[in-house]
Protein backbone atom coordinates (compact mmCIF):
# COMPACT_ATOMS: atom_id res chain seq x y z
CA UNK A 1 0.01 0.02 -0.13
CA UNK A 2 1.19 3.31 -0.91
CA UNK A 3 2.27 5.98 1.69
CA UNK A 4 0.18 8.79 2.09
CA UNK A 5 1.83 12.09 1.35
CA UNK A 6 2.11 14.92 3.47
CA UNK A 7 2.32 18.58 2.73
CA UNK A 8 5.44 19.21 4.93
CA UNK A 9 7.90 21.89 4.29
CA UNK A 10 11.68 22.59 5.47
CA UNK A 11 15.29 22.14 4.88
CA UNK A 12 17.20 19.17 6.19
CA UNK A 13 21.09 19.54 6.03
CA UNK A 14 22.08 15.99 5.57
CA UNK A 15 25.27 14.42 6.00
CA UNK A 16 25.47 12.31 3.58
CA UNK A 17 27.10 9.22 3.76
CA UNK A 18 29.48 7.02 1.50
CA UNK A 19 28.58 5.19 -1.57
CA UNK A 20 25.07 7.00 -1.94
CA UNK A 21 23.94 8.69 -4.84
CA UNK A 22 22.51 12.13 -4.03
CA UNK A 23 18.98 10.70 -5.81
CA UNK A 24 18.91 7.96 -3.53
CA UNK A 25 19.75 10.40 -0.71
CA UNK A 26 16.76 12.75 -1.64
CA UNK A 27 14.78 9.88 -1.91
CA UNK A 28 15.08 8.33 1.08
CA UNK A 29 14.44 11.62 3.08
CA UNK A 30 11.42 12.37 0.87
CA UNK A 31 10.33 8.82 1.88
CA UNK A 32 11.26 9.04 6.19
CA UNK A 33 9.05 12.31 5.70
CA UNK A 34 6.38 11.27 3.59
CA UNK A 35 6.64 14.30 1.72
CA UNK A 36 4.95 15.47 -1.31
CA UNK A 37 7.80 16.61 -3.41
CA UNK A 38 11.86 17.08 -2.47
CA UNK A 39 15.06 18.20 -3.99
CA UNK A 40 18.79 18.67 -3.40
CA UNK A 41 20.86 21.94 -3.47
CA UNK A 42 23.80 20.91 -5.24
CA UNK A 43 25.00 17.05 -6.27
CA UNK A 44 27.42 15.05 -4.08
CA UNK A 45 29.08 12.00 -5.97
CA UNK A 46 28.62 8.59 -4.61
CA UNK A 47 32.17 8.78 -3.15
CA UNK A 48 31.93 11.89 -1.44
CA UNK A 49 30.32 12.58 1.98
CA UNK A 50 29.33 15.55 3.24
CA UNK A 51 26.54 18.28 3.16
CA UNK A 52 23.51 17.70 1.02
CA UNK A 53 21.17 19.99 1.68
CA UNK A 54 17.46 18.62 0.74
CA UNK A 55 14.43 20.53 0.66
CA UNK A 56 11.29 19.36 1.15
CA UNK A 57 7.44 20.51 -0.24
CA UNK A 58 7.36 24.32 -0.41
CA UNK A 59 11.23 24.81 0.56
CA UNK A 60 11.95 23.63 -3.17
CA UNK A 61 11.24 26.86 -4.09
CA UNK A 62 14.08 28.10 -2.26
CA UNK A 63 16.28 25.56 -3.81
CA UNK A 64 18.18 28.14 -6.17
CA UNK A 65 19.20 30.29 -3.37
CA UNK A 66 21.03 27.78 -1.58
CA UNK A 67 22.34 25.93 -4.60
CA UNK A 68 23.97 28.65 -5.93
CA UNK A 69 25.99 29.77 -2.25
CA UNK A 70 29.81 29.13 -1.53
CA UNK A 71 31.22 25.79 -0.90
CA UNK A 72 34.12 23.90 1.02
CA UNK A 73 35.67 20.88 0.54
CA UNK A 74 38.34 18.70 2.33
CA UNK A 75 39.86 16.65 -0.23
CA UNK A 76 42.71 13.74 -0.72
CA UNK A 77 44.67 13.68 -3.70
CA UNK A 78 46.89 10.19 -4.64
CA UNK A 79 49.95 11.10 -7.13
CA UNK A 80 51.05 9.25 -9.95
CA UNK A 81 48.05 7.94 -11.37
CA UNK A 82 44.99 9.27 -13.48
CA UNK A 83 41.67 7.76 -13.59
CA UNK A 84 38.64 7.55 -16.04
CA UNK A 85 36.56 9.33 -13.64
CA UNK A 86 39.07 11.47 -12.11
CA UNK A 87 38.70 9.45 -8.66
CA UNK A 88 38.71 6.11 -7.45
CA UNK A 89 35.74 4.94 -8.98
CA UNK A 90 37.38 4.79 -12.28
CA UNK A 91 40.30 2.20 -14.16
CA UNK A 92 43.92 3.92 -13.91
CA UNK A 93 44.34 5.37 -17.51
CA UNK A 94 47.94 6.67 -16.73
CA UNK A 95 50.94 6.59 -14.64
CA UNK A 96 53.72 8.42 -13.57
CA UNK A 97 56.88 7.99 -11.20
CA UNK A 98 56.88 11.84 -11.02
CA UNK A 99 55.96 12.62 -6.60
CA UNK A 100 55.71 16.49 -6.08
CA UNK A 101 57.38 17.80 -3.49
CA UNK A 102 55.56 19.81 -0.47
CA UNK A 103 57.21 23.03 -2.08
CA UNK A 104 56.13 22.49 -5.71
CA UNK A 105 52.33 21.87 -4.35
CA UNK A 106 52.67 24.69 -2.30
CA UNK A 107 53.82 26.91 -5.18
CA UNK A 108 51.43 25.67 -7.64
CA UNK A 109 48.69 26.29 -5.78
CA UNK A 110 48.11 30.42 -6.66
CA UNK A 111 47.45 29.47 -10.32
CA UNK A 112 44.52 27.76 -9.36
CA UNK A 113 42.84 30.09 -7.22
CA UNK A 114 40.44 33.24 -8.46
CA UNK A 115 38.43 32.65 -11.39
CA UNK A 116 39.98 30.14 -13.51
CA UNK A 117 39.03 27.86 -16.65
CA UNK A 118 38.07 24.84 -15.71
CA UNK A 119 37.09 21.63 -17.82
CA UNK A 120 34.83 19.63 -15.92
CA UNK A 121 35.29 15.34 -15.64
CA UNK A 122 33.46 13.68 -18.07
CA UNK A 123 32.00 11.70 -15.43
CA UNK A 124 29.34 14.54 -14.46
CA UNK A 125 26.13 15.57 -14.03
CA UNK A 126 26.43 18.19 -17.27
CA UNK A 127 23.99 17.75 -19.88
CA UNK A 128 25.48 17.18 -23.58
CA UNK A 129 22.68 17.51 -26.08
CA UNK A 130 19.80 16.53 -23.49
CA UNK A 131 21.78 13.41 -22.01
CA UNK A 132 23.92 13.44 -18.99
CA UNK A 133 27.96 13.38 -19.53
CA UNK A 134 28.32 10.40 -17.03
CA UNK A 135 25.56 8.23 -19.25
CA UNK A 136 27.35 9.22 -22.27
CA UNK A 137 30.56 8.49 -21.03
CA UNK A 138 29.17 4.72 -19.31
CA UNK A 139 27.73 3.88 -22.95
CA UNK A 140 31.32 4.21 -24.27
CA UNK A 141 30.67 7.49 -26.23
CA UNK A 142 33.62 9.64 -26.87
CA UNK A 143 32.48 13.09 -24.32
CA UNK A 144 34.24 16.43 -24.78
CA UNK A 145 33.14 18.85 -22.21
CA UNK A 146 34.44 22.48 -23.09
CA UNK A 147 36.27 24.57 -20.31
CA UNK A 148 34.33 27.13 -18.43
CA UNK A 149 34.99 29.69 -15.88
CA UNK A 150 34.96 28.96 -12.16
CA UNK A 151 36.07 30.65 -9.07
CA UNK A 152 38.30 29.23 -6.54
CA UNK A 153 38.43 31.32 -3.42
CA UNK A 154 40.59 29.49 -1.32
CA UNK A 155 43.29 26.76 -1.56
CA UNK A 156 45.08 25.43 1.18
CA UNK A 157 47.24 22.44 1.66
CA UNK A 158 46.58 20.70 5.21
CA UNK A 159 48.95 17.62 4.83
CA UNK A 160 51.64 16.12 2.07
CA UNK A 161 53.37 12.99 1.77
CA UNK A 162 55.08 12.14 -1.49
CA UNK A 163 52.32 9.92 -2.71
CA UNK A 164 49.23 12.17 -1.18
CA UNK A 165 48.26 15.43 -0.20
CA UNK A 166 45.25 16.60 1.63
CA UNK A 167 43.99 20.08 0.66
CA UNK A 168 40.67 22.07 1.54
CA UNK A 169 39.23 24.34 -0.87
CA UNK A 170 36.65 27.34 -0.70
CA UNK A 171 34.61 27.74 -4.04
CA UNK A 172 31.48 28.90 -5.83
CA UNK A 173 29.04 26.92 -7.73
CA UNK A 174 30.26 24.79 -10.76
CA UNK A 175 33.69 23.74 -9.21
CA UNK A 176 34.88 19.80 -9.67
CA UNK A 177 37.38 19.34 -7.06
CA UNK A 178 38.23 15.73 -9.14
CA UNK A 179 39.18 18.38 -12.37
CA UNK A 180 41.10 20.61 -9.91
CA UNK A 181 42.76 17.06 -8.54
CA UNK A 182 43.74 16.34 -12.41
CA UNK A 183 44.66 19.88 -13.38
CA UNK A 184 47.21 19.82 -10.36
CA UNK A 185 48.69 16.69 -11.37
CA UNK A 186 49.47 17.82 -14.83
CA UNK A 187 50.78 21.35 -13.63
CA UNK A 188 53.01 19.17 -11.40
CA UNK A 189 54.17 17.02 -14.09
CA UNK A 190 52.47 13.93 -13.09
CA UNK A 191 49.22 12.42 -12.40
CA UNK A 192 46.43 12.98 -9.55
CA UNK A 193 42.94 11.78 -8.62
CA UNK A 194 40.45 12.26 -5.97
CA UNK A 195 40.50 9.42 -2.84
CA UNK A 196 38.66 11.02 -0.45
CA UNK A 197 35.86 14.28 -0.88
CA UNK A 198 34.10 15.92 1.85
CA UNK A 199 32.07 19.06 1.47
CA UNK A 200 31.87 20.85 4.68
CA UNK A 201 30.27 24.00 4.11
CA UNK A 202 27.38 25.28 1.56
CA UNK A 203 25.78 28.79 1.21
CA UNK A 204 26.76 28.87 5.28
CA UNK A 205 25.71 25.95 6.33
CA UNK A 206 28.02 23.63 8.15
CA UNK A 207 28.69 20.32 9.94
CA UNK A 208 27.42 21.90 12.89
CA UNK A 209 23.99 22.15 10.71
CA UNK A 210 23.73 18.74 9.79
CA UNK A 211 22.35 15.22 10.90
CA UNK A 212 23.31 11.88 9.92
CA UNK A 213 21.31 9.52 7.85
CA UNK A 214 21.00 7.21 10.62
CA UNK A 215 20.11 9.95 13.36
CA UNK A 216 17.73 11.03 11.08
CA UNK A 217 15.89 7.61 10.86
CA UNK A 218 15.80 7.09 14.64
CA UNK A 219 14.64 10.77 15.57
CA UNK A 220 11.44 10.18 17.60
CA UNK A 221 10.21 13.91 16.01
CA UNK A 222 11.79 14.15 12.37
CA UNK A 223 9.21 17.21 11.64
CA UNK A 224 11.14 19.48 14.55
CA UNK A 225 14.26 18.91 12.66
CA UNK A 226 13.25 20.48 10.03
CA UNK A 227 14.56 24.07 9.10
CA UNK A 228 12.20 26.57 7.79
CA UNK A 229 12.23 27.70 4.13
CA UNK A 230 13.23 31.44 5.42
CA UNK A 231 16.61 29.69 6.36
CA UNK A 232 17.32 29.33 2.48
CA UNK A 233 16.85 33.59 1.91
CA UNK A 234 18.49 34.92 4.63
CA UNK A 235 21.18 36.53 2.37
CA UNK A 236 18.31 38.29 0.76
CA UNK A 237 16.42 41.42 1.96
CA UNK A 238 13.45 40.79 4.01
CA UNK A 239 10.09 42.80 4.16
CA UNK A 240 7.77 42.11 6.66
CA UNK A 241 4.49 42.00 5.72
CA UNK A 242 0.70 42.47 7.34
CA UNK A 243 -1.75 39.86 7.56
CA UNK A 244 -3.98 41.75 5.31
CA UNK A 245 -0.50 42.11 2.62
CA UNK A 246 -0.08 38.64 3.21
CA UNK A 247 -3.53 37.73 1.65
CA UNK A 248 -2.87 40.02 -1.75
CA UNK A 249 0.63 37.94 -1.53
CA UNK A 250 -0.91 34.85 -1.64
CA UNK A 251 -2.89 35.45 -4.50
CA UNK A 252 -0.02 36.61 -6.60
CA UNK A 253 -0.77 40.48 -5.86
CA UNK A 254 1.83 43.11 -6.05
CA UNK A 255 1.82 44.87 -2.41
CA UNK A 256 2.57 48.81 -2.11
CA UNK A 257 5.37 48.96 0.81
CA UNK A 258 4.77 51.66 3.67
CA UNK A 259 6.52 53.51 5.91
CA UNK A 260 9.72 55.84 5.60
CA UNK A 261 12.41 53.63 5.28
CA UNK A 262 10.41 51.27 2.64
CA UNK A 263 12.74 50.64 -0.50
CA UNK A 264 11.80 51.76 -4.00
CA UNK A 265 13.61 49.00 -6.09
CA UNK A 266 15.34 46.10 -5.34
CA UNK A 267 16.21 43.26 -7.32
CA UNK A 268 15.62 40.59 -5.26
CA UNK A 269 14.21 40.41 -1.94
CA UNK A 270 11.30 37.62 0.05
CA UNK A 271 8.32 38.76 2.35
CA UNK A 272 7.68 37.26 5.27
CA UNK A 273 4.90 37.12 7.71
CA UNK A 274 5.69 36.63 11.29
CA UNK A 275 8.99 35.13 10.25
CA UNK A 276 7.63 32.64 7.74
CA UNK A 277 8.61 32.68 4.05
CA UNK A 278 5.36 34.16 1.92
CA UNK A 279 7.29 35.04 -1.42
CA UNK A 280 10.40 35.85 -3.31
CA UNK A 281 10.20 38.39 -5.74
CA UNK A 282 11.42 41.96 -6.46
CA UNK A 283 10.70 45.61 -6.01
CA UNK A 284 9.68 47.88 -8.08
CA UNK A 285 8.38 51.75 -8.37
CA UNK A 286 7.54 50.70 -4.32
CA UNK A 287 6.27 47.55 -5.22
CA UNK A 288 6.76 44.22 -3.87
CA UNK A 289 6.01 41.96 -6.85
CA UNK A 290 6.06 38.30 -5.97
CA UNK A 291 7.42 35.55 -8.76
CA UNK A 292 7.19 32.54 -6.67
CA UNK A 293 4.70 32.42 -3.66
CA UNK A 294 4.83 29.83 -0.95
CA UNK A 295 1.88 28.27 0.01
CA UNK A 296 0.98 28.56 4.19
């Protein structure tokens, strides 16, 4: 018998376990909450662990505002071999006897910070003619992905041995750790691939905000663990509404903003009632105009 679906809404910051795809994680969390709908804010590879923000119900309308936020990763690179997937999942396709020194690695890092051009791994979720690149690669087709600009705001060496290095990176959306490992290896005259990857921060969420899957399964009151949809909008201007204004907004209507400090124009903002998110929109000529309305 099918489970009854609930109109539950909010965010769970899941600490995704090793070996689970992001899609599987979303499906599991959705099942645990019997939620009508769910979505995640940024794919993690099966071999990666760490923060996977998952939105349920009306909170899915706020996913882009978490997905576009900055991220932090801690990862390990094994030197001397390249793989087809740029991590341990693929087969070894090239080897080298060269091992970078700590000094050489530190000297190479500045060239990989700031806005750089990066070629995504062929085993990635990027679409090529409507198909995922990893599906085409697994089918044996030749996949060619163009380089594109990505922004790495910080890149630090945590520890180093001749065979492997542990690093930490802060970056913006669209940056691939696996590509960084591959390109660092090439820059150092060798090869490299990722053997450990953990996402420790997403859009201001840290490990302290997360919960593991086993703990979530065992929680006696899972709904109490949900973060409100508004938490995804905290970096945007908040416009506090009256109950009468809220009624107009819920019907998709624009509302005149009153008061001496009311903005005249804002590119993006969110309307709230008693701290809860009502809608996302913009201010034009002193009116808040909703573009996405969240049901109560």
